[in-house]
Amino acid sequence: MKVRELAIAGGYEFTPDVFRDDRGAFVAHYTDTGFLDAVGYPMRLGQIHHSHSRRGAVRGVHYEDVPPGQAKVVSCAAGALLDVVVDLRVGSPTFGHWDSVLLDPHTCRAVYLEEGLGHGYVALQDDTVAAYVSSVEYDPAAEHEIHPLDPRLGLPWPTDMAYLLSERDRNAPTLTEARDAGRLPTYEACRALHRDRRPLVPTYRRDHGER
């Protein structure tokens, strides 16, 4: 598995090995050992879910209260999507910056983002399926949003399509409005979540899984 740290601390791109044969392919988007080697602490499992989107659907930019926050591993099981990670942590050296990764079932890349980072994506094809592994269960009272078309962010959405936004995202505040209202997580609170955290699983390697 190849790992690339994003331009924002706490965000990573994972490119797993893909095992192909006449039947198709087998891929592991997440392994404990690969994650520990890259990030330095284990991923807690709170919820697994997926979304199904039409071309042009924009989901996000969403984030959660910290604590507890919600870390995510995101991959694309069908179609294609442009995934965006935004630094919403007040006090971070890269506050307001973003990085993006193209996710699809051919490269099988996945994105990990720590608690406190904002997440969004746009579906580039009809019938795009995004798969999520999240560290905690979804709590609607703890999740918030930043307007995905905020010019201050300047996110790299394609210009050759009409965007489909939920009412919630259409009415979301800008980054500046959310910061001035005191709604954003702080960099210190987010970093404190992982301070002195010790691995909870053995750091051995093994090749396993039914292919």
N, C-alpha and C. Protein backbone atom coordinates (compact mmCIF):
# COMPACT_ATOMS: atom_id res chain seq x y z
N MET A 1 0.85 -1.19 0.00
CA MET A 1 0.00 0.00 0.00
C MET A 1 0.89 1.25 0.00
N LYS A 2 0.59 2.18 -0.90
CA LYS A 2 1.31 3.44 -0.95
C LYS A 2 0.51 4.50 -0.19
N VAL A 3 1.24 5.35 0.51
CA VAL A 3 0.60 6.39 1.33
C VAL A 3 1.19 7.74 0.96
N ARG A 4 0.31 8.72 0.81
CA ARG A 4 0.75 10.10 0.59
C ARG A 4 0.06 10.99 1.60
N GLU A 5 0.85 11.75 2.36
CA GLU A 5 0.25 12.71 3.28
C GLU A 5 -0.24 13.91 2.48
N LEU A 6 -1.44 14.34 2.75
CA LEU A 6 -2.00 15.48 2.03
C LEU A 6 -1.33 16.77 2.49
N ALA A 7 -1.67 17.86 1.82
CA ALA A 7 -1.09 19.15 2.15
C ALA A 7 -1.59 19.67 3.49
N ILE A 8 -2.54 18.97 4.09
CA ILE A 8 -3.10 19.33 5.39
C ILE A 8 -2.75 18.24 6.39
N ALA A 9 -2.14 18.60 7.51
CA ALA A 9 -1.79 17.61 8.53
C ALA A 9 -3.04 16.89 9.00
N GLY A 10 -2.95 15.55 9.06
CA GLY A 10 -4.10 14.75 9.48
C GLY A 10 -4.89 14.19 8.32
N GLY A 11 -4.48 14.47 7.09
CA GLY A 11 -5.14 13.93 5.91
C GLY A 11 -4.16 13.07 5.12
N TYR A 12 -4.63 11.91 4.64
CA TYR A 12 -3.77 10.97 3.94
C TYR A 12 -4.51 10.38 2.74
N GLU A 13 -3.74 10.09 1.69
CA GLU A 13 -4.23 9.34 0.54
C GLU A 13 -3.60 7.95 0.58
N PHE A 14 -4.44 6.92 0.51
CA PHE A 14 -3.97 5.54 0.50
C PHE A 14 -4.25 4.94 -0.88
N THR A 15 -3.22 4.34 -1.48
CA THR A 15 -3.39 3.62 -2.73
C THR A 15 -3.04 2.16 -2.47
N PRO A 16 -4.04 1.30 -2.35
CA PRO A 16 -3.80 -0.09 -1.97
C PRO A 16 -3.36 -0.95 -3.16
N ASP A 17 -2.81 -2.11 -2.84
CA ASP A 17 -2.54 -3.10 -3.87
C ASP A 17 -3.86 -3.68 -4.36
N VAL A 18 -3.96 -3.91 -5.66
CA VAL A 18 -5.15 -4.50 -6.25
C VAL A 18 -4.78 -5.85 -6.84
N PHE A 19 -5.46 -6.89 -6.41
CA PHE A 19 -5.18 -8.25 -6.88
C PHE A 19 -6.21 -8.61 -7.95
N ARG A 20 -5.75 -8.75 -9.18
CA ARG A 20 -6.65 -8.97 -10.30
C ARG A 20 -6.44 -10.37 -10.87
N ASP A 21 -7.53 -10.99 -11.33
CA ASP A 21 -7.46 -12.24 -12.06
C ASP A 21 -8.66 -12.30 -13.00
N ASP A 22 -8.93 -13.46 -13.57
CA ASP A 22 -9.99 -13.57 -14.56
C ASP A 22 -11.37 -13.27 -13.98
N ARG A 23 -11.53 -13.40 -12.67
CA ARG A 23 -12.82 -13.15 -12.04
C ARG A 23 -13.09 -11.67 -11.82
N GLY A 24 -12.03 -10.89 -11.73
CA GLY A 24 -12.17 -9.48 -11.41
C GLY A 24 -11.03 -9.00 -10.54
N ALA A 25 -11.35 -8.42 -9.40
CA ALA A 25 -10.31 -7.84 -8.56
C ALA A 25 -10.69 -7.93 -7.09
N PHE A 26 -9.66 -7.91 -6.24
CA PHE A 26 -9.83 -7.88 -4.79
C PHE A 26 -8.93 -6.77 -4.26
N VAL A 27 -9.47 -5.93 -3.36
CA VAL A 27 -8.68 -4.83 -2.82
C VAL A 27 -9.09 -4.58 -1.38
N ALA A 28 -8.11 -4.27 -0.53
CA ALA A 28 -8.36 -3.88 0.86
C ALA A 28 -8.06 -2.39 0.98
N HIS A 29 -9.11 -1.59 1.15
CA HIS A 29 -8.92 -0.14 1.25
C HIS A 29 -8.31 0.26 2.59
N TYR A 30 -8.44 -0.61 3.59
CA TYR A 30 -7.93 -0.29 4.92
C TYR A 30 -7.37 -1.54 5.56
N THR A 31 -6.20 -1.44 6.18
CA THR A 31 -5.66 -2.48 7.03
C THR A 31 -5.11 -1.82 8.28
N ASP A 32 -5.19 -2.50 9.41
CA ASP A 32 -4.67 -1.94 10.66
C ASP A 32 -3.19 -1.60 10.54
N THR A 33 -2.40 -2.53 9.98
CA THR A 33 -0.97 -2.32 9.92
C THR A 33 -0.59 -1.16 9.00
N GLY A 34 -1.22 -1.09 7.85
CA GLY A 34 -0.93 0.01 6.94
C GLY A 34 -1.31 1.35 7.53
N PHE A 35 -2.45 1.37 8.21
CA PHE A 35 -2.91 2.61 8.83
C PHE A 35 -1.98 3.03 9.96
N LEU A 36 -1.60 2.08 10.81
CA LEU A 36 -0.70 2.39 11.92
C LEU A 36 0.65 2.89 11.43
N ASP A 37 1.18 2.26 10.38
CA ASP A 37 2.47 2.69 9.84
C ASP A 37 2.40 4.14 9.36
N ALA A 38 1.29 4.53 8.77
CA ALA A 38 1.17 5.87 8.19
C ALA A 38 0.79 6.92 9.22
N VAL A 39 -0.19 6.59 10.05
CA VAL A 39 -0.80 7.60 10.91
C VAL A 39 -0.25 7.54 12.33
N GLY A 40 0.07 6.35 12.82
CA GLY A 40 0.66 6.22 14.14
C GLY A 40 -0.31 5.87 15.25
N TYR A 41 -1.58 5.72 14.92
CA TYR A 41 -2.58 5.29 15.91
C TYR A 41 -3.65 4.52 15.17
N PRO A 42 -4.41 3.69 15.88
CA PRO A 42 -5.40 2.85 15.20
C PRO A 42 -6.67 3.62 14.86
N MET A 43 -7.39 3.14 13.88
CA MET A 43 -8.69 3.69 13.49
C MET A 43 -9.77 3.02 14.32
N ARG A 44 -10.54 3.81 14.99
CA ARG A 44 -11.68 3.28 15.74
C ARG A 44 -12.85 3.11 14.79
N LEU A 45 -13.59 2.00 14.92
CA LEU A 45 -14.73 1.74 14.05
C LEU A 45 -16.03 2.08 14.77
N GLY A 46 -16.75 3.06 14.24
CA GLY A 46 -18.03 3.45 14.81
C GLY A 46 -19.19 3.22 13.86
N GLN A 47 -18.94 3.34 12.55
CA GLN A 47 -20.03 3.22 11.59
C GLN A 47 -19.45 2.98 10.20
N ILE A 48 -20.14 2.15 9.40
CA ILE A 48 -19.83 1.95 7.99
C ILE A 48 -21.08 2.30 7.20
N HIS A 49 -20.94 3.14 6.18
CA HIS A 49 -22.10 3.50 5.38
C HIS A 49 -21.65 3.89 3.98
N HIS A 50 -22.61 4.09 3.09
CA HIS A 50 -22.28 4.55 1.75
C HIS A 50 -23.34 5.52 1.27
N SER A 51 -22.99 6.31 0.26
CA SER A 51 -23.93 7.23 -0.38
C SER A 51 -23.97 6.92 -1.87
N HIS A 52 -25.11 7.18 -2.47
CA HIS A 52 -25.32 6.96 -3.90
C HIS A 52 -25.71 8.30 -4.52
N SER A 53 -24.98 8.76 -5.54
CA SER A 53 -25.14 10.13 -6.02
C SER A 53 -25.23 10.21 -7.54
N ARG A 54 -26.00 11.21 -7.99
CA ARG A 54 -26.05 11.55 -9.41
C ARG A 54 -24.87 12.44 -9.77
N ARG A 55 -24.56 12.50 -11.05
CA ARG A 55 -23.49 13.38 -11.53
C ARG A 55 -23.81 14.82 -11.12
N GLY A 56 -22.83 15.49 -10.57
CA GLY A 56 -23.00 16.87 -10.15
C GLY A 56 -23.43 17.03 -8.71
N ALA A 57 -23.78 15.94 -8.03
CA ALA A 57 -24.16 16.03 -6.62
C ALA A 57 -22.95 16.43 -5.79
N VAL A 58 -23.12 17.46 -4.98
CA VAL A 58 -22.07 17.91 -4.07
C VAL A 58 -22.53 17.61 -2.65
N ARG A 59 -21.72 16.89 -1.92
CA ARG A 59 -22.02 16.56 -0.51
C ARG A 59 -20.92 17.16 0.34
N GLY A 60 -21.30 18.07 1.22
CA GLY A 60 -20.34 18.77 2.07
C GLY A 60 -20.26 20.23 1.66
N VAL A 61 -19.44 20.94 2.39
CA VAL A 61 -18.34 20.51 3.26
C VAL A 61 -18.89 20.30 4.67
N HIS A 62 -18.71 19.09 5.23
CA HIS A 62 -19.25 18.75 6.53
C HIS A 62 -18.12 18.53 7.54
N TYR A 63 -18.44 18.78 8.82
CA TYR A 63 -17.49 18.54 9.90
C TYR A 63 -18.28 18.31 11.18
N GLU A 64 -17.60 17.83 12.23
CA GLU A 64 -18.25 17.48 13.48
C GLU A 64 -17.63 18.24 14.65
N ASP A 65 -18.42 18.38 15.72
CA ASP A 65 -17.90 18.98 16.95
C ASP A 65 -16.73 18.16 17.48
N VAL A 66 -15.74 18.87 18.01
CA VAL A 66 -14.58 18.22 18.64
C VAL A 66 -14.44 18.75 20.06
N PRO A 67 -14.43 17.86 21.07
CA PRO A 67 -14.67 16.42 20.92
C PRO A 67 -16.16 16.12 20.72
N PRO A 68 -16.50 14.89 20.26
CA PRO A 68 -15.60 13.78 19.98
C PRO A 68 -14.99 13.82 18.59
N GLY A 69 -15.62 14.55 17.66
CA GLY A 69 -15.14 14.54 16.28
C GLY A 69 -15.48 13.23 15.59
N GLN A 70 -15.24 13.20 14.29
CA GLN A 70 -15.47 11.97 13.51
C GLN A 70 -14.39 11.88 12.43
N ALA A 71 -13.52 10.89 12.55
CA ALA A 71 -12.54 10.61 11.52
C ALA A 71 -13.17 9.71 10.47
N LYS A 72 -12.67 9.76 9.23
CA LYS A 72 -13.29 9.02 8.14
C LYS A 72 -12.23 8.43 7.20
N VAL A 73 -12.51 7.24 6.70
CA VAL A 73 -11.82 6.69 5.54
C VAL A 73 -12.86 6.62 4.42
N VAL A 74 -12.60 7.27 3.31
CA VAL A 74 -13.56 7.38 2.21
C VAL A 74 -12.97 6.77 0.96
N SER A 75 -13.75 5.93 0.29
CA SER A 75 -13.34 5.35 -0.98
C SER A 75 -14.53 5.40 -1.94
N CYS A 76 -14.30 5.02 -3.18
CA CYS A 76 -15.34 5.07 -4.21
C CYS A 76 -15.53 3.67 -4.78
N ALA A 77 -16.73 3.10 -4.59
CA ALA A 77 -17.01 1.74 -5.03
C ALA A 77 -17.56 1.68 -6.45
N ALA A 78 -18.10 2.79 -6.95
CA ALA A 78 -18.64 2.84 -8.32
C ALA A 78 -18.66 4.28 -8.79
N GLY A 79 -18.52 4.47 -10.10
CA GLY A 79 -18.51 5.83 -10.64
C GLY A 79 -17.17 6.50 -10.42
N ALA A 80 -17.20 7.79 -10.06
CA ALA A 80 -15.98 8.54 -9.78
C ALA A 80 -16.37 9.80 -9.02
N LEU A 81 -15.49 10.24 -8.14
CA LEU A 81 -15.77 11.45 -7.37
C LEU A 81 -14.48 12.21 -7.12
N LEU A 82 -14.62 13.52 -6.98
CA LEU A 82 -13.51 14.37 -6.56
C LEU A 82 -13.70 14.65 -5.09
N ASP A 83 -12.81 14.12 -4.27
CA ASP A 83 -12.90 14.24 -2.82
C ASP A 83 -12.05 15.41 -2.34
N VAL A 84 -12.61 16.21 -1.43
CA VAL A 84 -11.93 17.41 -0.95
C VAL A 84 -11.85 17.38 0.57
N VAL A 85 -10.65 17.65 1.09
CA VAL A 85 -10.41 17.76 2.53
C VAL A 85 -10.02 19.20 2.82
N VAL A 86 -10.71 19.82 3.79
CA VAL A 86 -10.52 21.22 4.10
C VAL A 86 -10.11 21.37 5.56
N ASP A 87 -9.11 22.19 5.82
CA ASP A 87 -8.67 22.43 7.19
C ASP A 87 -9.57 23.50 7.83
N LEU A 88 -10.41 23.07 8.75
CA LEU A 88 -11.34 23.97 9.44
C LEU A 88 -10.91 24.24 10.88
N ARG A 89 -9.71 23.83 11.26
CA ARG A 89 -9.25 23.92 12.64
C ARG A 89 -8.66 25.30 12.92
N VAL A 90 -9.37 26.07 13.72
CA VAL A 90 -8.92 27.42 14.04
C VAL A 90 -7.58 27.33 14.79
N GLY A 91 -6.60 28.06 14.30
CA GLY A 91 -5.26 28.02 14.88
C GLY A 91 -4.31 27.13 14.12
N SER A 92 -4.79 26.37 13.16
CA SER A 92 -3.93 25.50 12.37
C SER A 92 -3.10 26.34 11.40
N PRO A 93 -1.86 25.92 11.15
CA PRO A 93 -1.04 26.66 10.17
C PRO A 93 -1.63 26.65 8.77
N THR A 94 -2.49 25.68 8.47
CA THR A 94 -3.09 25.61 7.14
C THR A 94 -4.61 25.85 7.19
N PHE A 95 -5.06 26.62 8.17
CA PHE A 95 -6.50 26.90 8.29
C PHE A 95 -7.02 27.49 6.98
N GLY A 96 -8.13 26.93 6.49
CA GLY A 96 -8.74 27.41 5.26
C GLY A 96 -8.16 26.82 3.99
N HIS A 97 -7.09 26.03 4.12
CA HIS A 97 -6.50 25.38 2.94
C HIS A 97 -7.21 24.06 2.67
N TRP A 98 -7.01 23.53 1.46
CA TRP A 98 -7.64 22.27 1.09
C TRP A 98 -6.69 21.44 0.24
N ASP A 99 -7.05 20.17 0.11
CA ASP A 99 -6.37 19.28 -0.84
C ASP A 99 -7.46 18.39 -1.43
N SER A 100 -7.20 17.82 -2.60
CA SER A 100 -8.22 17.01 -3.26
C SER A 100 -7.60 15.75 -3.84
N VAL A 101 -8.43 14.71 -3.96
CA VAL A 101 -8.01 13.42 -4.50
C VAL A 101 -9.14 12.88 -5.37
N LEU A 102 -8.80 12.38 -6.55
CA LEU A 102 -9.77 11.71 -7.40
C LEU A 102 -9.92 10.27 -6.93
N LEU A 103 -11.13 9.87 -6.59
CA LEU A 103 -11.41 8.51 -6.14
C LEU A 103 -12.27 7.79 -7.16
N ASP A 104 -11.90 6.55 -7.48
CA ASP A 104 -12.70 5.73 -8.37
C ASP A 104 -12.35 4.27 -8.13
N PRO A 105 -13.14 3.33 -8.66
CA PRO A 105 -12.88 1.90 -8.42
C PRO A 105 -11.76 1.33 -9.26
N HIS A 106 -11.10 2.13 -10.08
CA HIS A 106 -10.00 1.65 -10.91
C HIS A 106 -8.66 1.82 -10.18
N THR A 107 -8.41 3.01 -9.66
CA THR A 107 -7.21 3.23 -8.86
C THR A 107 -7.38 2.69 -7.45
N CYS A 108 -8.63 2.64 -6.97
CA CYS A 108 -8.96 2.13 -5.63
C CYS A 108 -8.35 2.98 -4.52
N ARG A 109 -8.03 4.23 -4.80
CA ARG A 109 -7.51 5.11 -3.76
C ARG A 109 -8.57 5.35 -2.68
N ALA A 110 -8.10 5.66 -1.48
CA ALA A 110 -8.96 6.05 -0.38
C ALA A 110 -8.35 7.26 0.31
N VAL A 111 -9.18 8.02 1.00
CA VAL A 111 -8.73 9.21 1.73
C VAL A 111 -9.06 9.03 3.20
N TYR A 112 -8.10 9.35 4.06
CA TYR A 112 -8.36 9.40 5.50
C TYR A 112 -8.26 10.84 5.96
N LEU A 113 -9.21 11.28 6.80
CA LEU A 113 -9.12 12.60 7.40
C LEU A 113 -9.42 12.52 8.89
N GLU A 114 -8.59 13.19 9.65
CA GLU A 114 -8.74 13.22 11.10
C GLU A 114 -9.94 14.05 11.52
N GLU A 115 -10.27 13.92 12.79
CA GLU A 115 -11.31 14.74 13.39
C GLU A 115 -10.96 16.22 13.24
N GLY A 116 -11.96 17.03 12.93
CA GLY A 116 -11.77 18.47 12.80
C GLY A 116 -11.54 18.94 11.39
N LEU A 117 -11.25 18.03 10.47
CA LEU A 117 -11.10 18.41 9.07
C LEU A 117 -12.46 18.36 8.38
N GLY A 118 -12.69 19.27 7.47
CA GLY A 118 -13.93 19.27 6.71
C GLY A 118 -13.82 18.33 5.51
N HIS A 119 -14.96 17.76 5.13
CA HIS A 119 -14.96 16.80 4.03
C HIS A 119 -16.11 17.10 3.07
N GLY A 120 -15.83 16.96 1.78
CA GLY A 120 -16.86 17.10 0.77
C GLY A 120 -16.43 16.40 -0.50
N TYR A 121 -17.39 16.18 -1.38
CA TYR A 121 -17.04 15.64 -2.69
C TYR A 121 -18.11 15.99 -3.71
N VAL A 122 -17.74 15.88 -4.98
CA VAL A 122 -18.68 16.02 -6.07
C VAL A 122 -18.63 14.74 -6.89
N ALA A 123 -19.81 14.21 -7.23
CA ALA A 123 -19.89 13.01 -8.06
C ALA A 123 -19.64 13.41 -9.51
N LEU A 124 -18.70 12.73 -10.15
CA LEU A 124 -18.33 13.04 -11.53
C LEU A 124 -19.11 12.22 -12.54
N GLN A 125 -19.81 11.18 -12.06
CA GLN A 125 -20.62 10.33 -12.92
C GLN A 125 -21.93 10.00 -12.21
N ASP A 126 -22.93 9.63 -12.99
CA ASP A 126 -24.15 9.08 -12.38
C ASP A 126 -23.82 7.77 -11.68
N ASP A 127 -24.64 7.45 -10.70
CA ASP A 127 -24.50 6.19 -9.96
C ASP A 127 -23.14 6.07 -9.28
N THR A 128 -22.65 7.18 -8.76
CA THR A 128 -21.41 7.16 -7.99
C THR A 128 -21.70 6.72 -6.56
N VAL A 129 -20.93 5.76 -6.08
CA VAL A 129 -21.10 5.24 -4.72
C VAL A 129 -19.85 5.54 -3.91
N ALA A 130 -20.02 6.34 -2.86
CA ALA A 130 -18.93 6.62 -1.92
C ALA A 130 -19.12 5.76 -0.69
N ALA A 131 -18.06 5.10 -0.26
CA ALA A 131 -18.10 4.23 0.92
C ALA A 131 -17.31 4.86 2.05
N TYR A 132 -17.88 4.84 3.25
CA TYR A 132 -17.27 5.48 4.40
C TYR A 132 -17.04 4.47 5.53
N VAL A 133 -15.89 4.58 6.18
CA VAL A 133 -15.66 3.96 7.49
C VAL A 133 -15.42 5.13 8.45
N SER A 134 -16.27 5.26 9.46
CA SER A 134 -16.19 6.40 10.37
C SER A 134 -15.85 5.94 11.78
N SER A 135 -15.18 6.81 12.52
CA SER A 135 -14.70 6.45 13.85
C SER A 135 -15.80 6.45 14.90
N VAL A 136 -16.86 7.21 14.68
CA VAL A 136 -18.00 7.25 15.61
C VAL A 136 -19.28 7.25 14.79
N GLU A 137 -20.38 6.91 15.43
CA GLU A 137 -21.67 6.94 14.75
C GLU A 137 -22.08 8.36 14.42
N TYR A 138 -22.88 8.47 13.38
CA TYR A 138 -23.39 9.78 12.96
C TYR A 138 -24.29 10.37 14.03
N ASP A 139 -24.04 11.62 14.38
CA ASP A 139 -24.85 12.35 15.35
C ASP A 139 -25.28 13.65 14.68
N PRO A 140 -26.53 13.75 14.26
CA PRO A 140 -26.95 14.95 13.53
C PRO A 140 -26.78 16.24 14.31
N ALA A 141 -26.85 16.16 15.65
CA ALA A 141 -26.70 17.36 16.45
C ALA A 141 -25.26 17.84 16.49
N ALA A 142 -24.31 16.95 16.20
CA ALA A 142 -22.89 17.30 16.29
C ALA A 142 -22.28 17.62 14.94
N GLU A 143 -23.02 17.39 13.84
CA GLU A 143 -22.46 17.63 12.50
C GLU A 143 -22.90 19.00 11.99
N HIS A 144 -21.98 19.67 11.32
CA HIS A 144 -22.21 21.02 10.81
C HIS A 144 -21.66 21.11 9.38
N GLU A 145 -21.85 22.24 8.76
CA GLU A 145 -21.49 22.39 7.36
C GLU A 145 -20.95 23.78 7.06
N ILE A 146 -20.12 23.82 6.04
CA ILE A 146 -19.62 25.07 5.45
C ILE A 146 -20.08 25.08 4.00
N HIS A 147 -20.45 26.23 3.49
CA HIS A 147 -20.95 26.30 2.12
C HIS A 147 -19.89 25.82 1.13
N PRO A 148 -20.21 24.82 0.31
CA PRO A 148 -19.19 24.27 -0.59
C PRO A 148 -18.77 25.23 -1.70
N LEU A 149 -19.56 26.27 -1.95
CA LEU A 149 -19.22 27.23 -2.99
C LEU A 149 -18.68 28.54 -2.41
N ASP A 150 -18.27 28.52 -1.16
CA ASP A 150 -17.68 29.69 -0.52
C ASP A 150 -16.47 30.15 -1.32
N PRO A 151 -16.49 31.38 -1.87
CA PRO A 151 -15.36 31.83 -2.68
C PRO A 151 -14.06 31.94 -1.88
N ARG A 152 -14.16 32.12 -0.57
CA ARG A 152 -12.94 32.17 0.26
C ARG A 152 -12.20 30.84 0.17
N LEU A 153 -12.92 29.73 0.13
CA LEU A 153 -12.29 28.42 0.03
C LEU A 153 -11.78 28.16 -1.39
N GLY A 154 -12.58 28.52 -2.39
CA GLY A 154 -12.17 28.31 -3.78
C GLY A 154 -11.93 26.84 -4.09
N LEU A 155 -12.88 25.99 -3.70
CA LEU A 155 -12.70 24.55 -3.89
C LEU A 155 -12.73 24.20 -5.38
N PRO A 156 -12.04 23.12 -5.76
CA PRO A 156 -11.80 22.84 -7.19
C PRO A 156 -12.92 22.06 -7.86
N TRP A 157 -14.16 22.49 -7.66
CA TRP A 157 -15.27 21.80 -8.31
C TRP A 157 -15.19 21.98 -9.82
N PRO A 158 -15.51 20.94 -10.58
CA PRO A 158 -15.50 21.07 -12.05
C PRO A 158 -16.50 22.13 -12.51
N THR A 159 -16.20 22.78 -13.59
CA THR A 159 -17.06 23.85 -14.10
C THR A 159 -17.96 23.40 -15.24
N ASP A 160 -17.88 22.12 -15.61
CA ASP A 160 -18.64 21.64 -16.77
C ASP A 160 -19.91 20.90 -16.36
N MET A 161 -20.46 21.21 -15.19
CA MET A 161 -21.66 20.51 -14.73
C MET A 161 -22.48 21.43 -13.85
N ALA A 162 -23.77 21.11 -13.75
CA ALA A 162 -24.66 21.80 -12.82
C ALA A 162 -24.56 21.10 -11.47
N TYR A 163 -24.43 21.88 -10.40
CA TYR A 163 -24.27 21.30 -9.07
C TYR A 163 -25.63 21.02 -8.43
N LEU A 164 -25.70 19.90 -7.75
CA LEU A 164 -26.89 19.51 -7.00
C LEU A 164 -26.53 19.54 -5.52
N LEU A 165 -27.13 20.48 -4.78
CA LEU A 165 -26.85 20.64 -3.36
C LEU A 165 -28.11 20.40 -2.54
N SER A 166 -27.94 19.87 -1.35
CA SER A 166 -29.06 19.74 -0.43
C SER A 166 -29.45 21.13 0.08
N GLU A 167 -30.65 21.25 0.60
CA GLU A 167 -31.08 22.53 1.18
C GLU A 167 -30.15 22.93 2.33
N ARG A 168 -29.76 21.96 3.10
CA ARG A 168 -28.85 22.22 4.22
C ARG A 168 -27.54 22.83 3.74
N ASP A 169 -26.95 22.28 2.68
CA ASP A 169 -25.68 22.81 2.19
C ASP A 169 -25.85 24.15 1.47
N ARG A 170 -26.99 24.33 0.81
CA ARG A 170 -27.25 25.63 0.16
C ARG A 170 -27.34 26.75 1.17
N ASN A 171 -27.81 26.44 2.38
CA ASN A 171 -27.99 27.46 3.42
C ASN A 171 -26.84 27.49 4.42
N ALA A 172 -25.77 26.78 4.15
CA ALA A 172 -24.65 26.71 5.09
C ALA A 172 -23.90 28.03 5.16
N PRO A 173 -23.29 28.32 6.30
CA PRO A 173 -22.49 29.55 6.42
C PRO A 173 -21.18 29.42 5.66
N THR A 174 -20.56 30.56 5.41
CA THR A 174 -19.22 30.56 4.84
C THR A 174 -18.21 30.22 5.95
N LEU A 175 -16.98 29.99 5.54
CA LEU A 175 -15.93 29.71 6.52
C LEU A 175 -15.78 30.87 7.50
N THR A 176 -15.78 32.08 7.00
CA THR A 176 -15.62 33.25 7.87
C THR A 176 -16.79 33.38 8.83
N GLU A 177 -18.00 33.17 8.35
CA GLU A 177 -19.17 33.26 9.22
C GLU A 177 -19.13 32.21 10.32
N ALA A 178 -18.75 30.99 9.96
CA ALA A 178 -18.68 29.92 10.97
C ALA A 178 -17.58 30.20 11.99
N ARG A 179 -16.45 30.70 11.53
CA ARG A 179 -15.36 31.03 12.46
C ARG A 179 -15.77 32.16 13.40
N ASP A 180 -16.36 33.21 12.86
CA ASP A 180 -16.75 34.35 13.69
C ASP A 180 -17.84 33.99 14.68
N ALA A 181 -18.65 32.97 14.36
CA ALA A 181 -19.71 32.52 15.27
C ALA A 181 -19.19 31.53 16.30
N GLY A 182 -17.93 31.17 16.23
CA GLY A 182 -17.35 30.24 17.19
C GLY A 182 -17.78 28.81 16.99
N ARG A 183 -18.13 28.44 15.76
CA ARG A 183 -18.66 27.10 15.50
C ARG A 183 -17.60 26.11 15.06
N LEU A 184 -16.40 26.55 14.79
CA LEU A 184 -15.38 25.66 14.25
C LEU A 184 -14.53 25.04 15.36
N PRO A 185 -14.00 23.84 15.13
CA PRO A 185 -13.10 23.23 16.11
C PRO A 185 -11.76 23.95 16.15
N THR A 186 -11.06 23.82 17.26
CA THR A 186 -9.74 24.43 17.37
C THR A 186 -8.67 23.40 17.03
N TYR A 187 -7.56 23.88 16.56
CA TYR A 187 -6.43 23.01 16.22
C TYR A 187 -5.94 22.28 17.46
N GLU A 188 -5.87 22.98 18.58
CA GLU A 188 -5.38 22.36 19.81
C GLU A 188 -6.29 21.23 20.27
N ALA A 189 -7.60 21.43 20.22
CA ALA A 189 -8.54 20.39 20.65
C ALA A 189 -8.42 19.16 19.76
N CYS A 190 -8.22 19.37 18.47
CA CYS A 190 -8.10 18.24 17.54
C CYS A 190 -6.81 17.47 17.76
N ARG A 191 -5.70 18.17 17.94
CA ARG A 191 -4.44 17.49 18.16
C ARG A 191 -4.44 16.75 19.50
N ALA A 192 -5.14 17.28 20.49
CA ALA A 192 -5.18 16.66 21.80
C ALA A 192 -5.87 15.30 21.77
N LEU A 193 -6.73 15.06 20.79
CA LEU A 193 -7.43 13.78 20.70
C LEU A 193 -6.46 12.62 20.54
N HIS A 194 -5.32 12.85 19.90
CA HIS A 194 -4.38 11.78 19.59
C HIS A 194 -3.10 11.86 20.41
N ARG A 195 -3.04 12.79 21.31
CA ARG A 195 -1.84 12.94 22.12
C ARG A 195 -1.66 11.74 23.04
N ASP A 196 -0.49 11.14 22.98
CA ASP A 196 -0.16 9.99 23.84
C ASP A 196 -1.05 8.78 23.58
N ARG A 197 -1.71 8.74 22.44
CA ARG A 197 -2.51 7.55 22.14
C ARG A 197 -1.59 6.39 21.77
N ARG A 198 -1.86 5.23 22.31
CA ARG A 198 -1.04 4.05 22.07
C ARG A 198 -1.77 3.09 21.15
N PRO A 199 -1.05 2.35 20.30
CA PRO A 199 -1.70 1.37 19.44
C PRO A 199 -2.49 0.36 20.25
N LEU A 200 -3.69 0.03 19.76
CA LEU A 200 -4.56 -0.91 20.44
C LEU A 200 -4.56 -2.27 19.75
N VAL A 201 -3.82 -2.37 18.63
CA VAL A 201 -3.78 -3.64 17.90
C VAL A 201 -2.33 -3.98 17.64
N PRO A 202 -1.97 -5.26 17.49
CA PRO A 202 -0.59 -5.63 17.24
C PRO A 202 -0.10 -5.11 15.90
N THR A 203 1.18 -4.71 15.87
CA THR A 203 1.73 -4.12 14.64
C THR A 203 2.49 -5.17 13.85
N TYR A 204 1.85 -6.30 13.57
CA TYR A 204 2.45 -7.30 12.71
C TYR A 204 1.79 -7.24 11.34
N ARG A 205 2.43 -7.84 10.35
CA ARG A 205 1.91 -7.85 8.99
C ARG A 205 1.49 -9.26 8.62
N ARG A 206 0.42 -9.33 7.85
CA ARG A 206 0.03 -10.62 7.33
C ARG A 206 -0.79 -10.40 6.06
N ASP A 207 -0.73 -11.37 5.18
CA ASP A 207 -1.49 -11.31 3.93
C ASP A 207 -2.71 -12.22 4.13
N HIS A 208 -3.89 -11.63 4.15
CA HIS A 208 -5.05 -12.47 4.42
C HIS A 208 -6.26 -11.92 3.64
N GLY A 209 -7.33 -12.68 3.67
CA GLY A 209 -8.55 -12.26 3.00
C GLY A 209 -8.91 -13.21 1.89
N GLU A 210 -10.17 -13.47 1.74
CA GLU A 210 -10.61 -14.35 0.67
C GLU A 210 -10.63 -13.59 -0.63
N ARG A 211 -9.93 -14.09 -1.62
CA ARG A 211 -9.87 -13.45 -2.93
C ARG A 211 -10.61 -14.31 -3.93
